[in-house]
């Protein structure tokens, strides 16, 4: 598919286990390696290796208290996110938009759909997420969408190569929170 060409109006659906290979490819391409540099969300200068794997994505798809939202256009997965119900709030993660489509409003639409689902389907009034604090441009993007920086930092999982191999010391995750209800 020529991603610079017009695409059809995107649609949302809940991922199935059959989507796992496409989701792994999408998530890794949005954050790691040379393909990620076509967009603005690349972590290639901070982390090498995979961003996720089939087992992690399959677990998210089959999570009893969560789901993976898929955005499709032209019969292809172009964006996704995971949301989990954690009783008092929803958690947002595994967010990816095809690098060549970043900056086109797809990320805003996926985030809005996740917030809508958590609010309207689960009755939750708060969304939480963690973001690598060194990703100032990404943190700023979430702040523009109403998320508040909490200053609460969580150590980066340096010993877990399933999320990538850090290229520098001092990485940490910051908790961001938004009222959605």
C-alpha atoms as a PDB file:
ATOM      1  CA  UNK A   1       0.000   0.000   0.000  1.00  0.00           C
ATOM      2  CA  UNK A   2       1.353   3.446  -0.895  1.00  0.00           C
ATOM      3  CA  UNK A   3       0.939   5.201   2.431  1.00  0.00           C
ATOM      4  CA  UNK A   4       1.330   8.631   0.865  1.00  0.00           C
ATOM      5  CA  UNK A   5      -1.785   8.031  -1.237  1.00  0.00           C
ATOM      6  CA  UNK A   6      -5.323   8.682  -0.065  1.00  0.00           C
ATOM      7  CA  UNK A   7      -6.639   6.145   2.384  1.00  0.00           C
ATOM      8  CA  UNK A   8     -10.215   5.252   3.124  1.00  0.00           C
ATOM      9  CA  UNK A   9     -11.994   6.516   6.204  1.00  0.00           C
ATOM     10  CA  UNK A  10     -10.520   4.536   9.091  1.00  0.00           C
ATOM     11  CA  UNK A  11     -12.690   2.274  11.223  1.00  0.00           C
ATOM     12  CA  UNK A  12     -12.242   0.851  14.725  1.00  0.00           C
ATOM     13  CA  UNK A  13     -12.656  -2.695  15.940  1.00  0.00           C
ATOM     14  CA  UNK A  14     -11.476  -4.931  18.758  1.00  0.00           C
ATOM     15  CA  UNK A  15      -8.403  -7.018  17.913  1.00  0.00           C
ATOM     16  CA  UNK A  16      -8.521 -10.793  17.683  1.00  0.00           C
ATOM     17  CA  UNK A  17      -5.725 -13.307  18.035  1.00  0.00           C
ATOM     18  CA  UNK A  18      -5.483 -13.357  14.213  1.00  0.00           C
ATOM     19  CA  UNK A  19      -4.289  -9.724  14.369  1.00  0.00           C
ATOM     20  CA  UNK A  20      -1.228 -10.484  16.510  1.00  0.00           C
ATOM     21  CA  UNK A  21       1.384 -10.671  13.687  1.00  0.00           C
ATOM     22  CA  UNK A  22       0.176  -7.404  12.132  1.00  0.00           C
ATOM     23  CA  UNK A  23       0.088  -5.698  15.536  1.00  0.00           C
ATOM     24  CA  UNK A  24       3.631  -6.795  16.437  1.00  0.00           C
ATOM     25  CA  UNK A  25       4.907  -5.496  13.089  1.00  0.00           C
ATOM     26  CA  UNK A  26       3.039  -2.194  13.512  1.00  0.00           C
ATOM     27  CA  UNK A  27       4.214  -1.575  17.083  1.00  0.00           C
ATOM     28  CA  UNK A  28       7.848  -2.409  16.343  1.00  0.00           C
ATOM     29  CA  UNK A  29       7.847  -0.282  13.166  1.00  0.00           C
ATOM     30  CA  UNK A  30       6.434   2.727  15.021  1.00  0.00           C
ATOM     31  CA  UNK A  31       9.152   2.773  17.684  1.00  0.00           C
ATOM     32  CA  UNK A  32      12.268   0.847  16.658  1.00  0.00           C
ATOM     33  CA  UNK A  33      14.657   0.560  13.764  1.00  0.00           C
ATOM     34  CA  UNK A  34      14.992   2.629  10.642  1.00  0.00           C
ATOM     35  CA  UNK A  35      11.310   2.337   9.694  1.00  0.00           C
ATOM     36  CA  UNK A  36      10.389   4.209  12.880  1.00  0.00           C
ATOM     37  CA  UNK A  37      12.349   7.257  11.741  1.00  0.00           C
ATOM     38  CA  UNK A  38       9.673   7.954   9.104  1.00  0.00           C
ATOM     39  CA  UNK A  39       7.441   9.104  11.974  1.00  0.00           C
ATOM     40  CA  UNK A  40       8.045  11.206  15.058  1.00  0.00           C
ATOM     41  CA  UNK A  41       7.508   8.575  17.774  1.00  0.00           C
ATOM     42  CA  UNK A  42      10.751   6.697  17.190  1.00  0.00           C
ATOM     43  CA  UNK A  43      12.631   5.452  20.244  1.00  0.00           C
ATOM     44  CA  UNK A  44      15.490   4.185  18.053  1.00  0.00           C
ATOM     45  CA  UNK A  45      17.988   6.542  19.705  1.00  0.00           C
ATOM     46  CA  UNK A  46      16.996   5.364  23.203  1.00  0.00           C
ATOM     47  CA  UNK A  47      16.374   1.641  22.751  1.00  0.00           C
ATOM     48  CA  UNK A  48      17.405  -1.105  20.356  1.00  0.00           C
ATOM     49  CA  UNK A  49      15.742  -4.419  19.724  1.00  0.00           C
ATOM     50  CA  UNK A  50      12.083  -5.245  19.795  1.00  0.00           C
ATOM     51  CA  UNK A  51       9.373  -3.104  21.347  1.00  0.00           C
ATOM     52  CA  UNK A  52       7.063  -6.062  21.833  1.00  0.00           C
ATOM     53  CA  UNK A  53       6.625  -9.691  20.891  1.00  0.00           C
ATOM     54  CA  UNK A  54       3.828 -12.015  19.821  1.00  0.00           C
ATOM     55  CA  UNK A  55       3.364 -13.409  23.324  1.00  0.00           C
ATOM     56  CA  UNK A  56       2.889  -9.970  24.898  1.00  0.00           C
ATOM     57  CA  UNK A  57       0.492  -8.828  22.197  1.00  0.00           C
ATOM     58  CA  UNK A  58      -1.497 -12.071  22.357  1.00  0.00           C
ATOM     59  CA  UNK A  59      -1.767 -11.674  26.142  1.00  0.00           C
ATOM     60  CA  UNK A  60      -3.109  -8.129  25.668  1.00  0.00           C
ATOM     61  CA  UNK A  61      -5.636  -9.303  23.063  1.00  0.00           C
ATOM     62  CA  UNK A  62      -6.858 -12.066  25.375  1.00  0.00           C
ATOM     63  CA  UNK A  63      -6.722 -10.003  28.609  1.00  0.00           C
ATOM     64  CA  UNK A  64     -10.013 -10.579  30.479  1.00  0.00           C
ATOM     65  CA  UNK A  65     -10.016  -7.009  31.838  1.00  0.00           C
ATOM     66  CA  UNK A  66      -8.782  -5.320  28.686  1.00  0.00           C
ATOM     67  CA  UNK A  67      -8.694  -5.218  24.936  1.00  0.00           C
ATOM     68  CA  UNK A  68      -6.685  -3.979  22.000  1.00  0.00           C
ATOM     69  CA  UNK A  69      -8.344  -1.395  19.767  1.00  0.00           C
ATOM     70  CA  UNK A  70      -7.416  -1.615  16.089  1.00  0.00           C
ATOM     71  CA  UNK A  71      -7.781   1.193  13.560  1.00  0.00           C
ATOM     72  CA  UNK A  72      -8.056  -0.088  10.001  1.00  0.00           C
ATOM     73  CA  UNK A  73      -7.921   1.702   6.684  1.00  0.00           C
ATOM     74  CA  UNK A  74      -7.935   0.029   3.285  1.00  0.00           C
ATOM     75  CA  UNK A  75      -8.234  -3.351   5.047  1.00  0.00           C
ATOM     76  CA  UNK A  76      -4.916  -2.850   6.847  1.00  0.00           C
ATOM     77  CA  UNK A  77      -4.096  -2.240  10.491  1.00  0.00           C
ATOM     78  CA  UNK A  78      -2.732   1.324  10.647  1.00  0.00           C
ATOM     79  CA  UNK A  79      -2.943   2.081  14.383  1.00  0.00           C
ATOM     80  CA  UNK A  80      -3.691   0.400  17.688  1.00  0.00           C
ATOM     81  CA  UNK A  81      -3.738   0.728  21.448  1.00  0.00           C
ATOM     82  CA  UNK A  82      -4.375  -1.406  24.482  1.00  0.00           C
ATOM     83  CA  UNK A  83      -6.740  -0.409  27.252  1.00  0.00           C
ATOM     84  CA  UNK A  84      -7.156  -2.209  30.538  1.00  0.00           C
ATOM     85  CA  UNK A  85      -9.767  -1.779  33.219  1.00  0.00           C
ATOM     86  CA  UNK A  86      -7.985  -1.546  36.542  1.00  0.00           C
ATOM     87  CA  UNK A  87     -11.220  -1.099  38.488  1.00  0.00           C
ATOM     88  CA  UNK A  88     -10.726   2.560  39.552  1.00  0.00           C
ATOM     89  CA  UNK A  89      -9.201   3.720  36.265  1.00  0.00           C
ATOM     90  CA  UNK A  90      -8.294   2.600  32.755  1.00  0.00           C
ATOM     91  CA  UNK A  91      -4.715   2.092  31.622  1.00  0.00           C
ATOM     92  CA  UNK A  92      -3.646   3.072  28.093  1.00  0.00           C
ATOM     93  CA  UNK A  93      -0.677   1.437  26.389  1.00  0.00           C
ATOM     94  CA  UNK A  94       0.698  -0.411  23.377  1.00  0.00           C
ATOM     95  CA  UNK A  95      -0.108   2.680  21.296  1.00  0.00           C
ATOM     96  CA  UNK A  96       1.186   2.760  17.735  1.00  0.00           C
ATOM     97  CA  UNK A  97       0.468   4.513  14.451  1.00  0.00           C
ATOM     98  CA  UNK A  98       2.115   3.513  11.177  1.00  0.00           C
ATOM     99  CA  UNK A  99       5.136   5.854  10.914  1.00  0.00           C
ATOM    100  CA  UNK A 100       4.223   7.211   7.478  1.00  0.00           C
ATOM    101  CA  UNK A 101       0.773   8.177   8.777  1.00  0.00           C
ATOM    102  CA  UNK A 102       1.928   9.894  11.974  1.00  0.00           C
ATOM    103  CA  UNK A 103       0.956  13.535  12.201  1.00  0.00           C
ATOM    104  CA  UNK A 104      -2.265  12.907  10.259  1.00  0.00           C
ATOM    105  CA  UNK A 105      -4.686  12.767  13.197  1.00  0.00           C
ATOM    106  CA  UNK A 106      -4.786   8.977  13.529  1.00  0.00           C
ATOM    107  CA  UNK A 107      -3.158   9.014  16.971  1.00  0.00           C
ATOM    108  CA  UNK A 108      -5.630  11.605  18.269  1.00  0.00           C
ATOM    109  CA  UNK A 109      -8.499   9.483  16.945  1.00  0.00           C
ATOM    110  CA  UNK A 110      -7.209   6.271  18.563  1.00  0.00           C
ATOM    111  CA  UNK A 111      -6.643   8.020  21.891  1.00  0.00           C
ATOM    112  CA  UNK A 112     -10.143   9.538  21.761  1.00  0.00           C
ATOM    113  CA  UNK A 113     -11.660   6.130  20.970  1.00  0.00           C
ATOM    114  CA  UNK A 114      -9.822   4.533  23.913  1.00  0.00           C
ATOM    115  CA  UNK A 115     -11.052   7.271  26.257  1.00  0.00           C
ATOM    116  CA  UNK A 116     -14.599   6.933  24.905  1.00  0.00           C
ATOM    117  CA  UNK A 117     -14.596   3.188  25.375  1.00  0.00           C
ATOM    118  CA  UNK A 118     -13.222   3.356  28.941  1.00  0.00           C
ATOM    119  CA  UNK A 119     -15.793   6.014  29.866  1.00  0.00           C
ATOM    120  CA  UNK A 120     -18.873   4.757  28.025  1.00  0.00           C
ATOM    121  CA  UNK A 121     -18.402   0.973  28.115  1.00  0.00           C
ATOM    122  CA  UNK A 122     -16.595   0.522  31.426  1.00  0.00           C
ATOM    123  CA  UNK A 123     -17.924   3.562  33.290  1.00  0.00           C
ATOM    124  CA  UNK A 124     -14.432   4.734  34.264  1.00  0.00           C
ATOM    125  CA  UNK A 125     -13.570   8.387  34.701  1.00  0.00           C
ATOM    126  CA  UNK A 126      -9.769   8.347  34.621  1.00  0.00           C
ATOM    127  CA  UNK A 127      -7.153   7.165  32.115  1.00  0.00           C
ATOM    128  CA  UNK A 128      -3.560   6.520  33.145  1.00  0.00           C
ATOM    129  CA  UNK A 129      -0.432   5.725  31.146  1.00  0.00           C
ATOM    130  CA  UNK A 130       3.326   5.660  31.529  1.00  0.00           C
ATOM    131  CA  UNK A 131       5.693   7.328  29.077  1.00  0.00           C
ATOM    132  CA  UNK A 132       9.489   7.367  28.930  1.00  0.00           C
ATOM    133  CA  UNK A 133      10.168  10.760  30.531  1.00  0.00           C
ATOM    134  CA  UNK A 134      13.062  11.464  28.141  1.00  0.00           C
ATOM    135  CA  UNK A 135      10.490  11.522  25.311  1.00  0.00           C
ATOM    136  CA  UNK A 136       9.626  15.183  25.964  1.00  0.00           C
ATOM    137  CA  UNK A 137       7.913  15.664  22.582  1.00  0.00           C
ATOM    138  CA  UNK A 138       5.652  12.685  23.238  1.00  0.00           C
ATOM    139  CA  UNK A 139       4.894  13.772  26.801  1.00  0.00           C
ATOM    140  CA  UNK A 140       4.035  17.241  25.443  1.00  0.00           C
ATOM    141  CA  UNK A 141       1.681  15.655  22.877  1.00  0.00           C
ATOM    142  CA  UNK A 142      -0.226  13.910  25.682  1.00  0.00           C
ATOM    143  CA  UNK A 143      -0.294  17.090  27.772  1.00  0.00           C
ATOM    144  CA  UNK A 144      -1.903  18.909  24.815  1.00  0.00           C
ATOM    145  CA  UNK A 145      -4.588  16.217  24.894  1.00  0.00           C
ATOM    146  CA  UNK A 146      -5.396  16.879  28.543  1.00  0.00           C
ATOM    147  CA  UNK A 147      -3.048  14.489  30.350  1.00  0.00           C
ATOM    148  CA  UNK A 148      -1.338  15.793  33.469  1.00  0.00           C
ATOM    149  CA  UNK A 149       2.226  15.027  34.423  1.00  0.00           C
ATOM    150  CA  UNK A 150       2.222  13.548  37.914  1.00  0.00           C
ATOM    151  CA  UNK A 151       5.954  13.618  38.554  1.00  0.00           C
ATOM    152  CA  UNK A 152       5.592  10.014  39.713  1.00  0.00           C
ATOM    153  CA  UNK A 153       8.494   8.120  38.169  1.00  0.00           C
ATOM    154  CA  UNK A 154       8.823   4.384  37.700  1.00  0.00           C
ATOM    155  CA  UNK A 155      12.211   2.808  36.996  1.00  0.00           C
ATOM    156  CA  UNK A 156      12.689   1.624  33.421  1.00  0.00           C
ATOM    157  CA  UNK A 157      12.836  -2.204  33.265  1.00  0.00           C
ATOM    158  CA  UNK A 158      16.514  -2.428  32.257  1.00  0.00           C
ATOM    159  CA  UNK A 159      16.570  -6.162  32.969  1.00  0.00           C
ATOM    160  CA  UNK A 160      13.663  -6.942  30.593  1.00  0.00           C
ATOM    161  CA  UNK A 161      14.997  -7.239  27.040  1.00  0.00           C
ATOM    162  CA  UNK A 162      11.489  -8.039  25.796  1.00  0.00           C
ATOM    163  CA  UNK A 163      10.846  -4.268  25.811  1.00  0.00           C
ATOM    164  CA  UNK A 164      14.154  -3.400  24.186  1.00  0.00           C
ATOM    165  CA  UNK A 165      17.765  -2.785  25.094  1.00  0.00           C
ATOM    166  CA  UNK A 166      18.427   0.741  26.412  1.00  0.00           C
ATOM    167  CA  UNK A 167      21.277   2.680  24.831  1.00  0.00           C
ATOM    168  CA  UNK A 168      21.747   4.942  27.855  1.00  0.00           C
ATOM    169  CA  UNK A 169      21.391   5.010  31.597  1.00  0.00           C
ATOM    170  CA  UNK A 170      18.820   7.020  33.516  1.00  0.00           C
ATOM    171  CA  UNK A 171      15.655   6.120  31.643  1.00  0.00           C
ATOM    172  CA  UNK A 172      12.448   6.175  33.658  1.00  0.00           C
ATOM    173  CA  UNK A 173       8.725   6.148  33.036  1.00  0.00           C
ATOM    174  CA  UNK A 174       6.429   8.964  34.145  1.00  0.00           C
ATOM    175  CA  UNK A 175       2.809   8.399  35.087  1.00  0.00           C
ATOM    176  CA  UNK A 176       0.370  10.642  33.155  1.00  0.00           C
ATOM    177  CA  UNK A 177      -3.299  10.943  34.184  1.00  0.00           C
ATOM    178  CA  UNK A 178      -6.455  12.401  32.619  1.00  0.00           C
ATOM    179  CA  UNK A 179     -10.046  12.719  33.880  1.00  0.00           C
ATOM    180  CA  UNK A 180     -12.258  11.305  31.113  1.00  0.00           C
ATOM    181  CA  UNK A 181     -15.613  11.135  32.881  1.00  0.00           C
END
